[in-house]
Amino acid sequence: MTPAQCVRTCLLGAFIAACAGLILRTILALAGKRVPWFTEIALAAGAALLSLVCRFVHERLVLKDYDKMVEQRRRRMHW
């Protein structure tokens, strides 16, 4: 994974979490509950880290097996 892909993945996770945080904050505000100011920051940081881990696992496990399968097909086609 290149550094640009890492940054893009973290930003996407943080953006999705920020949107979810805003929705959560709105729902809780309508219910009359107070939400600490750092809730959205914590959600965004956690989601950025989680999305990075998920992408790393996906590249290491899923794509590795997929590459093996494609290589085996190529070998069969040549014979």
PDB file of N, CA and C in Angstrom:
ATOM      1  N   MET A   1       0.853  -1.173   0.000  1.00  0.00           N
ATOM      2  CA  MET A   1       0.000   0.000   0.000  1.00  0.00           C
ATOM      3  C   MET A   1       0.899   1.236   0.000  1.00  0.00           C
ATOM      4  N   THR A   2       0.612   2.131  -0.910  1.00  0.00           N
ATOM      5  CA  THR A   2       1.422   3.345  -0.998  1.00  0.00           C
ATOM      6  C   THR A   2       0.978   4.343   0.076  1.00  0.00           C
ATOM      7  N   PRO A   3       1.820   5.312   0.396  1.00  0.00           N
ATOM      8  CA  PRO A   3       1.407   6.325   1.380  1.00  0.00           C
ATOM      9  C   PRO A   3       0.160   7.101   0.947  1.00  0.00           C
ATOM     10  N   ALA A   4       0.037   7.343  -0.341  1.00  0.00           N
ATOM     11  CA  ALA A   4      -1.154   8.055  -0.826  1.00  0.00           C
ATOM     12  C   ALA A   4      -2.421   7.242  -0.576  1.00  0.00           C
ATOM     13  N   GLN A   5      -2.344   5.930  -0.768  1.00  0.00           N
ATOM     14  CA  GLN A   5      -3.500   5.082  -0.495  1.00  0.00           C
ATOM     15  C   GLN A   5      -3.836   5.069   0.992  1.00  0.00           C
ATOM     16  N   CYS A   6      -2.817   5.079   1.833  1.00  0.00           N
ATOM     17  CA  CYS A   6      -3.049   5.136   3.289  1.00  0.00           C
ATOM     18  C   CYS A   6      -3.784   6.411   3.668  1.00  0.00           C
ATOM     19  N   VAL A   7      -3.310   7.522   3.139  1.00  0.00           N
ATOM     20  CA  VAL A   7      -3.924   8.813   3.462  1.00  0.00           C
ATOM     21  C   VAL A   7      -5.360   8.859   2.939  1.00  0.00           C
ATOM     22  N   ARG A   8      -5.567   8.399   1.719  1.00  0.00           N
ATOM     23  CA  ARG A   8      -6.906   8.409   1.128  1.00  0.00           C
ATOM     24  C   ARG A   8      -7.863   7.534   1.938  1.00  0.00           C
ATOM     25  N   THR A   9      -7.391   6.373   2.356  1.00  0.00           N
ATOM     26  CA  THR A   9      -8.233   5.468   3.149  1.00  0.00           C
ATOM     27  C   THR A   9      -8.583   6.090   4.496  1.00  0.00           C
ATOM     28  N   CYS A  10      -7.604   6.700   5.154  1.00  0.00           N
ATOM     29  CA  CYS A  10      -7.859   7.350   6.448  1.00  0.00           C
ATOM     30  C   CYS A  10      -8.830   8.505   6.302  1.00  0.00           C
ATOM     31  N   LEU A  11      -8.662   9.296   5.255  1.00  0.00           N
ATOM     32  CA  LEU A  11      -9.560  10.435   5.050  1.00  0.00           C
ATOM     33  C   LEU A  11     -10.982   9.979   4.759  1.00  0.00           C
ATOM     34  N   LEU A  12     -11.117   8.916   3.985  1.00  0.00           N
ATOM     35  CA  LEU A  12     -12.452   8.399   3.697  1.00  0.00           C
ATOM     36  C   LEU A  12     -13.122   7.893   4.972  1.00  0.00           C
ATOM     37  N   GLY A  13     -12.377   7.135   5.786  1.00  0.00           N
ATOM     38  CA  GLY A  13     -12.932   6.651   7.050  1.00  0.00           C
ATOM     39  C   GLY A  13     -13.299   7.788   7.984  1.00  0.00           C
ATOM     40  N   ALA A  14     -12.441   8.800   8.043  1.00  0.00           N
ATOM     41  CA  ALA A  14     -12.715   9.950   8.916  1.00  0.00           C
ATOM     42  C   ALA A  14     -13.938  10.730   8.429  1.00  0.00           C
ATOM     43  N   PHE A  15     -14.076  10.874   7.123  1.00  0.00           N
ATOM     44  CA  PHE A  15     -15.226  11.590   6.570  1.00  0.00           C
ATOM     45  C   PHE A  15     -16.527  10.856   6.879  1.00  0.00           C
ATOM     46  N   ILE A  16     -16.528   9.546   6.683  1.00  0.00           N
ATOM     47  CA  ILE A  16     -17.726   8.754   6.966  1.00  0.00           C
ATOM     48  C   ILE A  16     -18.078   8.836   8.449  1.00  0.00           C
ATOM     49  N   ALA A  17     -17.059   8.755   9.316  1.00  0.00           N
ATOM     50  CA  ALA A  17     -17.309   8.846  10.757  1.00  0.00           C
ATOM     51  C   ALA A  17     -17.790  10.231  11.158  1.00  0.00           C
ATOM     52  N   ALA A  18     -17.260  11.264  10.518  1.00  0.00           N
ATOM     53  CA  ALA A  18     -17.709  12.624  10.836  1.00  0.00           C
ATOM     54  C   ALA A  18     -19.174  12.801  10.463  1.00  0.00           C
ATOM     55  N   CYS A  19     -19.560  12.248   9.315  1.00  0.00           N
ATOM     56  CA  CYS A  19     -20.976  12.314   8.924  1.00  0.00           C
ATOM     57  C   CYS A  19     -21.849  11.558   9.923  1.00  0.00           C
ATOM     58  N   ALA A  20     -21.389  10.377  10.322  1.00  0.00           N
ATOM     59  CA  ALA A  20     -22.139   9.603  11.310  1.00  0.00           C
ATOM     60  C   ALA A  20     -22.197  10.348  12.645  1.00  0.00           C
ATOM     61  N   GLY A  21     -21.103  11.019  13.012  1.00  0.00           N
ATOM     62  CA  GLY A  21     -21.076  11.793  14.251  1.00  0.00           C
ATOM     63  C   GLY A  21     -22.060  12.952  14.229  1.00  0.00           C
ATOM     64  N   LEU A  22     -22.137  13.611  13.077  1.00  0.00           N
ATOM     65  CA  LEU A  22     -23.108  14.706  12.962  1.00  0.00           C
ATOM     66  C   LEU A  22     -24.541  14.203  13.066  1.00  0.00           C
ATOM     67  N   ILE A  23     -24.805  13.076  12.450  1.00  0.00           N
ATOM     68  CA  ILE A  23     -26.146  12.498  12.533  1.00  0.00           C
ATOM     69  C   ILE A  23     -26.454  12.095  13.973  1.00  0.00           C
ATOM     70  N   LEU A  24     -25.486  11.447  14.624  1.00  0.00           N
ATOM     71  CA  LEU A  24     -25.668  11.046  16.021  1.00  0.00           C
ATOM     72  C   LEU A  24     -25.885  12.257  16.918  1.00  0.00           C
ATOM     73  N   ARG A  25     -25.084  13.290  16.704  1.00  0.00           N
ATOM     74  CA  ARG A  25     -25.208  14.503  17.517  1.00  0.00           C
ATOM     75  C   ARG A  25     -26.576  15.157  17.318  1.00  0.00           C
ATOM     76  N   THR A  26     -27.059  15.170  16.076  1.00  0.00           N
ATOM     77  CA  THR A  26     -28.369  15.757  15.784  1.00  0.00           C
ATOM     78  C   THR A  26     -29.481  14.976  16.468  1.00  0.00           C
ATOM     79  N   ILE A  27     -29.400  13.647  16.369  1.00  0.00           N
ATOM     80  CA  ILE A  27     -30.431  12.810  17.000  1.00  0.00           C
ATOM     81  C   ILE A  27     -30.430  13.010  18.514  1.00  0.00           C
ATOM     82  N   LEU A  28     -29.248  13.013  19.112  1.00  0.00           N
ATOM     83  CA  LEU A  28     -29.179  13.193  20.566  1.00  0.00           C
ATOM     84  C   LEU A  28     -29.603  14.599  20.987  1.00  0.00           C
ATOM     85  N   ALA A  29     -29.295  15.589  20.147  1.00  0.00           N
ATOM     86  CA  ALA A  29     -29.723  16.954  20.473  1.00  0.00           C
ATOM     87  C   ALA A  29     -31.244  17.067  20.418  1.00  0.00           C
ATOM     88  N   LEU A  30     -31.853  16.398  19.449  1.00  0.00           N
ATOM     89  CA  LEU A  30     -33.314  16.413  19.369  1.00  0.00           C
ATOM     90  C   LEU A  30     -33.936  15.684  20.555  1.00  0.00           C
ATOM     91  N   ALA A  31     -33.224  14.711  21.093  1.00  0.00           N
ATOM     92  CA  ALA A  31     -33.722  13.980  22.259  1.00  0.00           C
ATOM     93  C   ALA A  31     -33.429  14.739  23.568  1.00  0.00           C
ATOM     94  N   GLY A  32     -32.704  15.844  23.471  1.00  0.00           N
ATOM     95  CA  GLY A  32     -32.428  16.652  24.649  1.00  0.00           C
ATOM     96  C   GLY A  32     -31.192  16.231  25.420  1.00  0.00           C
ATOM     97  N   LYS A  33     -30.350  15.424  24.833  1.00  0.00           N
ATOM     98  CA  LYS A  33     -29.124  14.974  25.507  1.00  0.00           C
ATOM     99  C   LYS A  33     -27.937  15.786  25.002  1.00  0.00           C
ATOM    100  N   ARG A  34     -26.986  16.005  25.889  1.00  0.00           N
ATOM    101  CA  ARG A  34     -25.771  16.738  25.506  1.00  0.00           C
ATOM    102  C   ARG A  34     -24.689  15.744  25.090  1.00  0.00           C
ATOM    103  N   VAL A  35     -23.910  16.146  24.090  1.00  0.00           N
ATOM    104  CA  VAL A  35     -22.833  15.300  23.576  1.00  0.00           C
ATOM    105  C   VAL A  35     -21.520  16.055  23.776  1.00  0.00           C
ATOM    106  N   PRO A  36     -20.500  15.402  24.333  1.00  0.00           N
ATOM    107  CA  PRO A  36     -19.206  16.082  24.491  1.00  0.00           C
ATOM    108  C   PRO A  36     -18.634  16.503  23.136  1.00  0.00           C
ATOM    109  N   TRP A  37     -17.861  17.568  23.120  1.00  0.00           N
ATOM    110  CA  TRP A  37     -17.334  18.102  21.862  1.00  0.00           C
ATOM    111  C   TRP A  37     -16.346  17.165  21.195  1.00  0.00           C
ATOM    112  N   PHE A  38     -15.694  16.309  21.973  1.00  0.00           N
ATOM    113  CA  PHE A  38     -14.666  15.439  21.401  1.00  0.00           C
ATOM    114  C   PHE A  38     -15.232  14.132  20.824  1.00  0.00           C
ATOM    115  N   THR A  39     -16.548  13.946  20.900  1.00  0.00           N
ATOM    116  CA  THR A  39     -17.150  12.709  20.409  1.00  0.00           C
ATOM    117  C   THR A  39     -16.891  12.515  18.920  1.00  0.00           C
ATOM    118  N   GLU A  40     -17.097  13.565  18.132  1.00  0.00           N
ATOM    119  CA  GLU A  40     -16.906  13.454  16.682  1.00  0.00           C
ATOM    120  C   GLU A  40     -15.436  13.228  16.330  1.00  0.00           C
ATOM    121  N   ILE A  41     -14.540  13.859  17.067  1.00  0.00           N
ATOM    122  CA  ILE A  41     -13.108  13.671  16.809  1.00  0.00           C
ATOM    123  C   ILE A  41     -12.713  12.228  17.107  1.00  0.00           C
ATOM    124  N   ALA A  42     -13.208  11.699  18.214  1.00  0.00           N
ATOM    125  CA  ALA A  42     -12.898  10.310  18.568  1.00  0.00           C
ATOM    126  C   ALA A  42     -13.483   9.338  17.553  1.00  0.00           C
ATOM    127  N   LEU A  43     -14.706   9.597  17.098  1.00  0.00           N
ATOM    128  CA  LEU A  43     -15.317   8.753  16.081  1.00  0.00           C
ATOM    129  C   LEU A  43     -14.503   8.787  14.783  1.00  0.00           C
ATOM    130  N   ALA A  44     -14.092   9.976  14.376  1.00  0.00           N
ATOM    131  CA  ALA A  44     -13.331  10.111  13.128  1.00  0.00           C
ATOM    132  C   ALA A  44     -11.977   9.422  13.228  1.00  0.00           C
ATOM    133  N   ALA A  45     -11.298   9.586  14.341  1.00  0.00           N
ATOM    134  CA  ALA A  45      -9.988   8.947  14.504  1.00  0.00           C
ATOM    135  C   ALA A  45     -10.120   7.430  14.543  1.00  0.00           C
ATOM    136  N   GLY A  46     -11.099   6.942  15.252  1.00  0.00           N
ATOM    137  CA  GLY A  46     -11.326   5.494  15.315  1.00  0.00           C
ATOM    138  C   GLY A  46     -11.687   4.910  13.966  1.00  0.00           C
ATOM    139  N   ALA A  47     -12.529   5.589  13.223  1.00  0.00           N
ATOM    140  CA  ALA A  47     -12.925   5.087  11.904  1.00  0.00           C
ATOM    141  C   ALA A  47     -11.769   5.146  10.921  1.00  0.00           C
ATOM    142  N   ALA A  48     -10.934   6.169  11.017  1.00  0.00           N
ATOM    143  CA  ALA A  48      -9.770   6.256  10.132  1.00  0.00           C
ATOM    144  C   ALA A  48      -8.826   5.095  10.383  1.00  0.00           C
ATOM    145  N   LEU A  49      -8.604   4.800  11.646  1.00  0.00           N
ATOM    146  CA  LEU A  49      -7.736   3.671  11.988  1.00  0.00           C
ATOM    147  C   LEU A  49      -8.358   2.344  11.555  1.00  0.00           C
ATOM    148  N   LEU A  50      -9.642   2.181  11.796  1.00  0.00           N
ATOM    149  CA  LEU A  50     -10.330   0.953  11.414  1.00  0.00           C
ATOM    150  C   LEU A  50     -10.328   0.757   9.895  1.00  0.00           C
ATOM    151  N   SER A  51     -10.557   1.818   9.141  1.00  0.00           N
ATOM    152  CA  SER A  51     -10.556   1.686   7.684  1.00  0.00           C
ATOM    153  C   SER A  51      -9.165   1.338   7.164  1.00  0.00           C
ATOM    154  N   LEU A  52      -8.139   1.871   7.802  1.00  0.00           N
ATOM    155  CA  LEU A  52      -6.774   1.544   7.398  1.00  0.00           C
ATOM    156  C   LEU A  52      -6.465   0.072   7.676  1.00  0.00           C
ATOM    157  N   VAL A  53      -6.872  -0.416   8.834  1.00  0.00           N
ATOM    158  CA  VAL A  53      -6.660  -1.827   9.171  1.00  0.00           C
ATOM    159  C   VAL A  53      -7.433  -2.729   8.213  1.00  0.00           C
ATOM    160  N   CYS A  54      -8.675  -2.375   7.914  1.00  0.00           N
ATOM    161  CA  CYS A  54      -9.479  -3.182   6.998  1.00  0.00           C
ATOM    162  C   CYS A  54      -8.856  -3.234   5.610  1.00  0.00           C
ATOM    163  N   ARG A  55      -8.354  -2.105   5.138  1.00  0.00           N
ATOM    164  CA  ARG A  55      -7.726  -2.084   3.811  1.00  0.00           C
ATOM    165  C   ARG A  55      -6.454  -2.924   3.808  1.00  0.00           C
ATOM    166  N   PHE A  56      -5.675  -2.836   4.865  1.00  0.00           N
ATOM    167  CA  PHE A  56      -4.443  -3.613   4.953  1.00  0.00           C
ATOM    168  C   PHE A  56      -4.760  -5.111   4.943  1.00  0.00           C
ATOM    169  N   VAL A  57      -5.742  -5.512   5.742  1.00  0.00           N
ATOM    170  CA  VAL A  57      -6.132  -6.923   5.793  1.00  0.00           C
ATOM    171  C   VAL A  57      -6.662  -7.373   4.432  1.00  0.00           C
ATOM    172  N   HIS A  58      -7.463  -6.535   3.800  1.00  0.00           N
ATOM    173  CA  HIS A  58      -8.010  -6.872   2.485  1.00  0.00           C
ATOM    174  C   HIS A  58      -6.891  -7.075   1.466  1.00  0.00           C
ATOM    175  N   GLU A  59      -5.908  -6.201   1.471  1.00  0.00           N
ATOM    176  CA  GLU A  59      -4.800  -6.343   0.524  1.00  0.00           C
ATOM    177  C   GLU A  59      -3.970  -7.581   0.815  1.00  0.00           C
ATOM    178  N   ARG A  60      -3.752  -7.873   2.085  1.00  0.00           N
ATOM    179  CA  ARG A  60      -2.890  -9.008   2.447  1.00  0.00           C
ATOM    180  C   ARG A  60      -3.579 -10.355   2.243  1.00  0.00           C
ATOM    181  N   LEU A  61      -4.867 -10.431   2.534  1.00  0.00           N
ATOM    182  CA  LEU A  61      -5.547 -11.725   2.478  1.00  0.00           C
ATOM    183  C   LEU A  61      -6.325 -11.930   1.177  1.00  0.00           C
ATOM    184  N   VAL A  62      -7.238 -11.038   0.891  1.00  0.00           N
ATOM    185  CA  VAL A  62      -8.146 -11.244  -0.239  1.00  0.00           C
ATOM    186  C   VAL A  62      -7.425 -11.084  -1.569  1.00  0.00           C
ATOM    187  N   LEU A  63      -6.717  -9.997  -1.761  1.00  0.00           N
ATOM    188  CA  LEU A  63      -6.081  -9.754  -3.046  1.00  0.00           C
ATOM    189  C   LEU A  63      -4.941 -10.728  -3.311  1.00  0.00           C
ATOM    190  N   LYS A  64      -4.288 -11.187  -2.267  1.00  0.00           N
ATOM    191  CA  LYS A  64      -3.210 -12.161  -2.425  1.00  0.00           C
ATOM    192  C   LYS A  64      -3.772 -13.459  -3.005  1.00  0.00           C
ATOM    193  N   ASP A  65      -4.899 -13.925  -2.455  1.00  0.00           N
ATOM    194  CA  ASP A  65      -5.541 -15.129  -2.974  1.00  0.00           C
ATOM    195  C   ASP A  65      -6.052 -14.913  -4.394  1.00  0.00           C
ATOM    196  N   TYR A  66      -6.568 -13.735  -4.673  1.00  0.00           N
ATOM    197  CA  TYR A  66      -7.070 -13.425  -6.005  1.00  0.00           C
ATOM    198  C   TYR A  66      -5.930 -13.454  -7.026  1.00  0.00           C
ATOM    199  N   ASP A  67      -4.790 -12.883  -6.669  1.00  0.00           N
ATOM    200  CA  ASP A  67      -3.635 -12.898  -7.568  1.00  0.00           C
ATOM    201  C   ASP A  67      -3.181 -14.326  -7.853  1.00  0.00           C
ATOM    202  N   LYS A  68      -3.207 -15.181  -6.840  1.00  0.00           N
ATOM    203  CA  LYS A  68      -2.836 -16.586  -7.037  1.00  0.00           C
ATOM    204  C   LYS A  68      -3.806 -17.268  -8.005  1.00  0.00           C
ATOM    205  N   MET A  69      -5.082 -16.994  -7.838  1.00  0.00           N
ATOM    206  CA  MET A  69      -6.087 -17.603  -8.703  1.00  0.00           C
ATOM    207  C   MET A  69      -5.905 -17.159 -10.158  1.00  0.00           C
ATOM    208  N   VAL A  70      -5.650 -15.886 -10.370  1.00  0.00           N
ATOM    209  CA  VAL A  70      -5.436 -15.366 -11.720  1.00  0.00           C
ATOM    210  C   VAL A  70      -4.190 -15.988 -12.334  1.00  0.00           C
ATOM    211  N   GLU A  71      -3.139 -16.117 -11.550  1.00  0.00           N
ATOM    212  CA  GLU A  71      -1.903 -16.724 -12.055  1.00  0.00           C
ATOM    213  C   GLU A  71      -2.127 -18.187 -12.431  1.00  0.00           C
ATOM    214  N   GLN A  72      -2.890 -18.916 -11.635  1.00  0.00           N
ATOM    215  CA  GLN A  72      -3.187 -20.314 -11.961  1.00  0.00           C
ATOM    216  C   GLN A  72      -3.998 -20.416 -13.249  1.00  0.00           C
ATOM    217  N   ARG A  73      -4.928 -19.515 -13.449  1.00  0.00           N
ATOM    218  CA  ARG A  73      -5.706 -19.510 -14.696  1.00  0.00           C
ATOM    219  C   ARG A  73      -4.811 -19.238 -15.892  1.00  0.00           C
ATOM    220  N   ARG A  74      -3.899 -18.297 -15.744  1.00  0.00           N
ATOM    221  CA  ARG A  74      -2.978 -17.991 -16.849  1.00  0.00           C
ATOM    222  C   ARG A  74      -2.135 -19.207 -17.210  1.00  0.00           C
ATOM    223  N   ARG A  75      -1.669 -19.908 -16.192  1.00  0.00           N
ATOM    224  CA  ARG A  75      -0.859 -21.108 -16.453  1.00  0.00           C
ATOM    225  C   ARG A  75      -1.666 -22.164 -17.188  1.00  0.00           C
ATOM    226  N   ARG A  76      -2.916 -22.371 -16.778  1.00  0.00           N
ATOM    227  CA  ARG A  76      -3.762 -23.365 -17.439  1.00  0.00           C
ATOM    228  C   ARG A  76      -4.047 -22.983 -18.885  1.00  0.00           C
ATOM    229  N   MET A  77      -4.214 -21.708 -19.143  1.00  0.00           N
ATOM    230  CA  MET A  77      -4.510 -21.241 -20.502  1.00  0.00           C
ATOM    231  C   MET A  77      -3.320 -21.451 -21.430  1.00  0.00           C
ATOM    232  N   HIS A  78      -2.105 -21.317 -20.894  1.00  0.00           N
ATOM    233  CA  HIS A  78      -0.912 -21.484 -21.729  1.00  0.00           C
ATOM    234  C   HIS A  78      -0.698 -22.925 -22.142  1.00  0.00           C
ATOM    235  N   TRP A  79      -1.092 -23.859 -21.303  1.00  0.00           N
ATOM    236  CA  TRP A  79      -0.851 -25.267 -21.636  1.00  0.00           C
ATOM    237  C   TRP A  79      -1.928 -25.722 -22.533  1.00  0.00           C
TER     238      TRP A  79
END
